[in-house]
């Protein structure tokens, strides 16, 4: 993932972030920094799970239930 665009999500109206190996989020309190960090982690987790599933990783038993 190279770029993340978030619009109208919880407290975030619109933000576009170019993602690098290391990203630093700076802003005032309650600006959505933690929310963005959690969202990025969630997307990465979903990507990793689906990549493992598609590649036939033996640890996931190749079933739909393994995605949950």
PDB file of N, CA and C in Angstrom:
ATOM      1  N   UNK A   1       0.858  -1.167   0.000  1.00  0.00           N
ATOM      2  CA  UNK A   1       0.000   0.000   0.000  1.00  0.00           C
ATOM      3  C   UNK A   1       0.905   1.231   0.000  1.00  0.00           C
ATOM      4  N   UNK A   2       0.714   2.079  -0.964  1.00  0.00           N
ATOM      5  CA  UNK A   2       1.545   3.274  -1.093  1.00  0.00           C
ATOM      6  C   UNK A   2       0.894   4.517  -0.507  1.00  0.00           C
ATOM      7  N   UNK A   3      -0.434   4.566  -0.582  1.00  0.00           N
ATOM      8  CA  UNK A   3      -1.135   5.766  -0.149  1.00  0.00           C
ATOM      9  C   UNK A   3      -2.447   5.362   0.513  1.00  0.00           C
ATOM     10  N   UNK A   4      -2.839   6.132   1.527  1.00  0.00           N
ATOM     11  CA  UNK A   4      -4.112   5.907   2.207  1.00  0.00           C
ATOM     12  C   UNK A   4      -4.917   7.195   2.134  1.00  0.00           C
ATOM     13  N   UNK A   5      -6.144   7.082   1.640  1.00  0.00           N
ATOM     14  CA  UNK A   5      -7.059   8.217   1.597  1.00  0.00           C
ATOM     15  C   UNK A   5      -8.263   7.864   2.465  1.00  0.00           C
ATOM     16  N   UNK A   6      -8.545   8.712   3.439  1.00  0.00           N
ATOM     17  CA  UNK A   6      -9.668   8.494   4.347  1.00  0.00           C
ATOM     18  C   UNK A   6     -10.574   9.714   4.271  1.00  0.00           C
ATOM     19  N   UNK A   7     -11.860   9.475   4.049  1.00  0.00           N
ATOM     20  CA  UNK A   7     -12.836  10.566   3.996  1.00  0.00           C
ATOM     21  C   UNK A   7     -14.048  10.217   4.852  1.00  0.00           C
ATOM     22  N   UNK A   8     -14.497  11.186   5.629  1.00  0.00           N
ATOM     23  CA  UNK A   8     -15.718  11.051   6.437  1.00  0.00           C
ATOM     24  C   UNK A   8     -15.742   9.755   7.247  1.00  0.00           C
ATOM     25  N   UNK A   9     -14.690   9.534   8.011  1.00  0.00           N
ATOM     26  CA  UNK A   9     -14.578   8.348   8.858  1.00  0.00           C
ATOM     27  C   UNK A   9     -14.373   8.787  10.296  1.00  0.00           C
ATOM     28  N   UNK A  10     -15.354   8.560  11.137  1.00  0.00           N
ATOM     29  CA  UNK A  10     -15.369   8.967  12.543  1.00  0.00           C
ATOM     30  C   UNK A  10     -15.035  10.457  12.624  1.00  0.00           C
ATOM     31  N   UNK A  11     -13.895  10.831  13.211  1.00  0.00           N
ATOM     32  CA  UNK A  11     -13.567  12.249  13.386  1.00  0.00           C
ATOM     33  C   UNK A  11     -12.748  12.826  12.228  1.00  0.00           C
ATOM     34  N   UNK A  12     -12.443  12.006  11.233  1.00  0.00           N
ATOM     35  CA  UNK A  12     -11.594  12.447  10.121  1.00  0.00           C
ATOM     36  C   UNK A  12     -12.471  12.870   8.944  1.00  0.00           C
ATOM     37  N   UNK A  13     -12.344  14.128   8.543  1.00  0.00           N
ATOM     38  CA  UNK A  13     -13.108  14.608   7.378  1.00  0.00           C
ATOM     39  C   UNK A  13     -12.458  14.137   6.091  1.00  0.00           C
ATOM     40  N   UNK A  14     -11.173  14.465   5.912  1.00  0.00           N
ATOM     41  CA  UNK A  14     -10.441  14.006   4.736  1.00  0.00           C
ATOM     42  C   UNK A  14      -8.950  14.093   5.014  1.00  0.00           C
ATOM     43  N   UNK A  15      -8.251  13.003   4.707  1.00  0.00           N
ATOM     44  CA  UNK A  15      -6.801  12.990   4.843  1.00  0.00           C
ATOM     45  C   UNK A  15      -6.231  12.053   3.782  1.00  0.00           C
ATOM     46  N   UNK A  16      -5.100  12.442   3.235  1.00  0.00           N
ATOM     47  CA  UNK A  16      -4.374  11.619   2.273  1.00  0.00           C
ATOM     48  C   UNK A  16      -2.950  11.480   2.792  1.00  0.00           C
ATOM     49  N   UNK A  17      -2.520  10.250   2.983  1.00  0.00           N
ATOM     50  CA  UNK A  17      -1.201   9.993   3.561  1.00  0.00           C
ATOM     51  C   UNK A  17      -0.397   9.119   2.611  1.00  0.00           C
ATOM     52  N   UNK A  18       0.796   9.578   2.244  1.00  0.00           N
ATOM     53  CA  UNK A  18       1.730   8.752   1.495  1.00  0.00           C
ATOM     54  C   UNK A  18       2.443   7.876   2.521  1.00  0.00           C
ATOM     55  N   UNK A  19       2.338   6.564   2.355  1.00  0.00           N
ATOM     56  CA  UNK A  19       2.901   5.645   3.336  1.00  0.00           C
ATOM     57  C   UNK A  19       4.321   5.251   2.957  1.00  0.00           C
ATOM     58  N   UNK A  20       5.197   5.318   3.948  1.00  0.00           N
ATOM     59  CA  UNK A  20       6.589   4.914   3.807  1.00  0.00           C
ATOM     60  C   UNK A  20       6.852   3.785   4.787  1.00  0.00           C
ATOM     61  N   UNK A  21       8.106   3.323   4.864  1.00  0.00           N
ATOM     62  CA  UNK A  21       8.439   2.283   5.843  1.00  0.00           C
ATOM     63  C   UNK A  21       8.184   2.783   7.256  1.00  0.00           C
ATOM     64  N   UNK A  22       8.471   4.044   7.502  1.00  0.00           N
ATOM     65  CA  UNK A  22       8.230   4.660   8.808  1.00  0.00           C
ATOM     66  C   UNK A  22       7.410   5.923   8.578  1.00  0.00           C
ATOM     67  N   UNK A  23       6.324   6.059   9.335  1.00  0.00           N
ATOM     68  CA  UNK A  23       5.467   7.239   9.253  1.00  0.00           C
ATOM     69  C   UNK A  23       5.286   7.813  10.645  1.00  0.00           C
ATOM     70  N   UNK A  24       5.341   9.113  10.761  1.00  0.00           N
ATOM     71  CA  UNK A  24       5.141   9.792  12.038  1.00  0.00           C
ATOM     72  C   UNK A  24       3.910  10.675  11.901  1.00  0.00           C
ATOM     73  N   UNK A  25       2.952  10.446  12.792  1.00  0.00           N
ATOM     74  CA  UNK A  25       1.723  11.237  12.784  1.00  0.00           C
ATOM     75  C   UNK A  25       1.821  12.298  13.867  1.00  0.00           C
ATOM     76  N   UNK A  26       1.719  13.548  13.472  1.00  0.00           N
ATOM     77  CA  UNK A  26       1.819  14.667  14.406  1.00  0.00           C
ATOM     78  C   UNK A  26       0.565  15.519  14.257  1.00  0.00           C
ATOM     79  N   UNK A  27       0.000  15.915  15.385  1.00  0.00           N
ATOM     80  CA  UNK A  27      -1.181  16.760  15.335  1.00  0.00           C
ATOM     81  C   UNK A  27      -1.721  17.002  16.724  1.00  0.00           C
ATOM     82  N   UNK A  28      -2.709  17.868  16.831  1.00  0.00           N
ATOM     83  CA  UNK A  28      -3.288  18.183  18.142  1.00  0.00           C
ATOM     84  C   UNK A  28      -4.058  16.992  18.715  1.00  0.00           C
ATOM     85  N   UNK A  29      -4.348  17.100  19.990  1.00  0.00           N
ATOM     86  CA  UNK A  29      -5.131  16.079  20.671  1.00  0.00           C
ATOM     87  C   UNK A  29      -6.486  15.921  19.982  1.00  0.00           C
ATOM     88  N   UNK A  30      -6.936  14.680  19.870  1.00  0.00           N
ATOM     89  CA  UNK A  30      -8.237  14.339  19.269  1.00  0.00           C
ATOM     90  C   UNK A  30      -8.318  14.663  17.777  1.00  0.00           C
ATOM     91  N   UNK A  31      -7.171  14.682  17.096  1.00  0.00           N
ATOM     92  CA  UNK A  31      -7.162  14.960  15.660  1.00  0.00           C
ATOM     93  C   UNK A  31      -7.342  13.696  14.821  1.00  0.00           C
ATOM     94  N   UNK A  32      -7.225  12.512  15.456  1.00  0.00           N
ATOM     95  CA  UNK A  32      -7.400  11.256  14.733  1.00  0.00           C
ATOM     96  C   UNK A  32      -6.119  10.484  14.492  1.00  0.00           C
ATOM     97  N   UNK A  33      -5.031  10.849  15.160  1.00  0.00           N
ATOM     98  CA  UNK A  33      -3.748  10.160  14.960  1.00  0.00           C
ATOM     99  C   UNK A  33      -3.841   8.681  15.326  1.00  0.00           C
ATOM    100  N   UNK A  34      -4.377   8.389  16.492  1.00  0.00           N
ATOM    101  CA  UNK A  34      -4.505   6.991  16.934  1.00  0.00           C
ATOM    102  C   UNK A  34      -5.463   6.224  16.038  1.00  0.00           C
ATOM    103  N   UNK A  35      -6.524   6.863  15.630  1.00  0.00           N
ATOM    104  CA  UNK A  35      -7.488   6.236  14.732  1.00  0.00           C
ATOM    105  C   UNK A  35      -6.814   5.842  13.416  1.00  0.00           C
ATOM    106  N   UNK A  36      -6.009   6.737  12.853  1.00  0.00           N
ATOM    107  CA  UNK A  36      -5.289   6.429  11.617  1.00  0.00           C
ATOM    108  C   UNK A  36      -4.310   5.283  11.817  1.00  0.00           C
ATOM    109  N   UNK A  37      -3.591   5.276  12.936  1.00  0.00           N
ATOM    110  CA  UNK A  37      -2.635   4.205  13.216  1.00  0.00           C
ATOM    111  C   UNK A  37      -3.356   2.860  13.313  1.00  0.00           C
ATOM    112  N   UNK A  38      -4.491   2.834  13.991  1.00  0.00           N
ATOM    113  CA  UNK A  38      -5.268   1.593  14.116  1.00  0.00           C
ATOM    114  C   UNK A  38      -5.833   1.161  12.764  1.00  0.00           C
ATOM    115  N   UNK A  39      -6.265   2.107  11.963  1.00  0.00           N
ATOM    116  CA  UNK A  39      -6.803   1.803  10.644  1.00  0.00           C
ATOM    117  C   UNK A  39      -5.722   1.201   9.745  1.00  0.00           C
ATOM    118  N   UNK A  40      -4.534   1.767   9.767  1.00  0.00           N
ATOM    119  CA  UNK A  40      -3.418   1.237   8.979  1.00  0.00           C
ATOM    120  C   UNK A  40      -3.079  -0.181   9.433  1.00  0.00           C
ATOM    121  N   UNK A  41      -3.026  -0.414  10.745  1.00  0.00           N
ATOM    122  CA  UNK A  41      -2.735  -1.752  11.275  1.00  0.00           C
ATOM    123  C   UNK A  41      -3.819  -2.747  10.859  1.00  0.00           C
ATOM    124  N   UNK A  42      -5.079  -2.322  10.916  1.00  0.00           N
ATOM    125  CA  UNK A  42      -6.194  -3.190  10.524  1.00  0.00           C
ATOM    126  C   UNK A  42      -6.089  -3.581   9.049  1.00  0.00           C
ATOM    127  N   UNK A  43      -5.824  -2.614   8.191  1.00  0.00           N
ATOM    128  CA  UNK A  43      -5.707  -2.885   6.753  1.00  0.00           C
ATOM    129  C   UNK A  43      -4.544  -3.831   6.486  1.00  0.00           C
ATOM    130  N   UNK A  44      -3.424  -3.622   7.177  1.00  0.00           N
ATOM    131  CA  UNK A  44      -2.270  -4.512   7.016  1.00  0.00           C
ATOM    132  C   UNK A  44      -2.612  -5.929   7.453  1.00  0.00           C
ATOM    133  N   UNK A  45      -3.312  -6.069   8.573  1.00  0.00           N
ATOM    134  CA  UNK A  45      -3.707  -7.399   9.051  1.00  0.00           C
ATOM    135  C   UNK A  45      -4.606  -8.104   8.037  1.00  0.00           C
ATOM    136  N   UNK A  46      -5.593  -7.387   7.504  1.00  0.00           N
ATOM    137  CA  UNK A  46      -6.488  -7.970   6.499  1.00  0.00           C
ATOM    138  C   UNK A  46      -5.693  -8.385   5.266  1.00  0.00           C
ATOM    139  N   UNK A  47      -4.767  -7.544   4.843  1.00  0.00           N
ATOM    140  CA  UNK A  47      -3.921  -7.867   3.689  1.00  0.00           C
ATOM    141  C   UNK A  47      -3.119  -9.134   3.948  1.00  0.00           C
ATOM    142  N   UNK A  48      -2.496  -9.229   5.114  1.00  0.00           N
ATOM    143  CA  UNK A  48      -1.682 -10.397   5.446  1.00  0.00           C
ATOM    144  C   UNK A  48      -2.522 -11.670   5.495  1.00  0.00           C
ATOM    145  N   UNK A  49      -3.699 -11.591   6.099  1.00  0.00           N
ATOM    146  CA  UNK A  49      -4.576 -12.762   6.209  1.00  0.00           C
ATOM    147  C   UNK A  49      -5.024 -13.232   4.829  1.00  0.00           C
ATOM    148  N   UNK A  50      -5.469 -12.306   3.990  1.00  0.00           N
ATOM    149  CA  UNK A  50      -5.951 -12.702   2.666  1.00  0.00           C
ATOM    150  C   UNK A  50      -4.812 -13.186   1.783  1.00  0.00           C
ATOM    151  N   UNK A  51      -3.635 -12.596   1.902  1.00  0.00           N
ATOM    152  CA  UNK A  51      -2.477 -13.056   1.133  1.00  0.00           C
ATOM    153  C   UNK A  51      -2.129 -14.486   1.516  1.00  0.00           C
ATOM    154  N   UNK A  52      -2.111 -14.784   2.815  1.00  0.00           N
ATOM    155  CA  UNK A  52      -1.838 -16.147   3.275  1.00  0.00           C
ATOM    156  C   UNK A  52      -2.900 -17.111   2.764  1.00  0.00           C
ATOM    157  N   UNK A  53      -4.148 -16.703   2.808  1.00  0.00           N
ATOM    158  CA  UNK A  53      -5.250 -17.555   2.363  1.00  0.00           C
ATOM    159  C   UNK A  53      -5.140 -17.852   0.869  1.00  0.00           C
ATOM    160  N   UNK A  54      -4.902 -16.824   0.075  1.00  0.00           N
ATOM    161  CA  UNK A  54      -4.821 -16.993  -1.374  1.00  0.00           C
ATOM    162  C   UNK A  54      -3.623 -17.847  -1.764  1.00  0.00           C
ATOM    163  N   UNK A  55      -2.516 -17.684  -1.050  1.00  0.00           N
ATOM    164  CA  UNK A  55      -1.314 -18.447  -1.378  1.00  0.00           C
ATOM    165  C   UNK A  55      -1.404 -19.893  -0.893  1.00  0.00           C
ATOM    166  N   UNK A  56      -2.469 -20.243  -0.149  1.00  0.00           N
ATOM    167  CA  UNK A  56      -2.652 -21.612   0.301  1.00  0.00           C
ATOM    168  C   UNK A  56      -1.830 -21.959   1.521  1.00  0.00           C
ATOM    169  N   UNK A  57      -1.588 -20.999   2.375  1.00  0.00           N
ATOM    170  CA  UNK A  57      -0.836 -21.235   3.609  1.00  0.00           C
ATOM    171  C   UNK A  57      -1.499 -22.365   4.392  1.00  0.00           C
ATOM    172  N   UNK A  58      -0.720 -23.377   4.747  1.00  0.00           N
ATOM    173  CA  UNK A  58      -1.251 -24.561   5.431  1.00  0.00           C
ATOM    174  C   UNK A  58      -1.775 -24.247   6.823  1.00  0.00           C
ATOM    175  N   UNK A  59      -1.360 -23.166   7.437  1.00  0.00           N
ATOM    176  CA  UNK A  59      -1.815 -22.818   8.780  1.00  0.00           C
ATOM    177  C   UNK A  59      -3.249 -22.332   8.811  1.00  0.00           C
ATOM    178  N   UNK A  60      -3.805 -21.970   7.667  1.00  0.00           N
ATOM    179  CA  UNK A  60      -5.168 -21.434   7.681  1.00  0.00           C
ATOM    180  C   UNK A  60      -6.220 -22.450   7.245  1.00  0.00           C
ATOM    181  N   UNK A  61      -5.813 -23.696   6.992  1.00  0.00           N
ATOM    182  CA  UNK A  61      -6.732 -24.788   6.646  1.00  0.00           C
ATOM    183  C   UNK A  61      -7.516 -24.541   5.358  1.00  0.00           C
ATOM    184  N   UNK A  62      -7.150 -23.536   4.597  1.00  0.00           N
ATOM    185  CA  UNK A  62      -7.807 -23.236   3.318  1.00  0.00           C
ATOM    186  C   UNK A  62      -9.329 -23.201   3.408  1.00  0.00           C
ATOM    187  N   UNK A  63      -9.854 -22.600   4.433  1.00  0.00           N
ATOM    188  CA  UNK A  63     -11.303 -22.512   4.583  1.00  0.00           C
ATOM    189  C   UNK A  63     -11.727 -21.069   4.827  1.00  0.00           C
ATOM    190  N   UNK A  64     -12.980 -20.796   4.512  1.00  0.00           N
ATOM    191  CA  UNK A  64     -13.515 -19.455   4.732  1.00  0.00           C
ATOM    192  C   UNK A  64     -13.444 -19.077   6.207  1.00  0.00           C
ATOM    193  N   UNK A  65     -13.720 -20.030   7.095  1.00  0.00           N
ATOM    194  CA  UNK A  65     -13.712 -19.758   8.531  1.00  0.00           C
ATOM    195  C   UNK A  65     -12.349 -19.272   9.010  1.00  0.00           C
ATOM    196  N   UNK A  66     -11.298 -19.665   8.324  1.00  0.00           N
ATOM    197  CA  UNK A  66      -9.959 -19.248   8.746  1.00  0.00           C
ATOM    198  C   UNK A  66      -9.734 -17.752   8.553  1.00  0.00           C
ATOM    199  N   UNK A  67     -10.566 -17.104   7.733  1.00  0.00           N
ATOM    200  CA  UNK A  67     -10.433 -15.661   7.545  1.00  0.00           C
ATOM    201  C   UNK A  67     -11.026 -14.872   8.699  1.00  0.00           C
ATOM    202  N   UNK A  68     -11.869 -15.510   9.513  1.00  0.00           N
ATOM    203  CA  UNK A  68     -12.551 -14.806  10.601  1.00  0.00           C
ATOM    204  C   UNK A  68     -11.716 -14.719  11.839  1.00  0.00           C
TER     205      UNK A  68
END
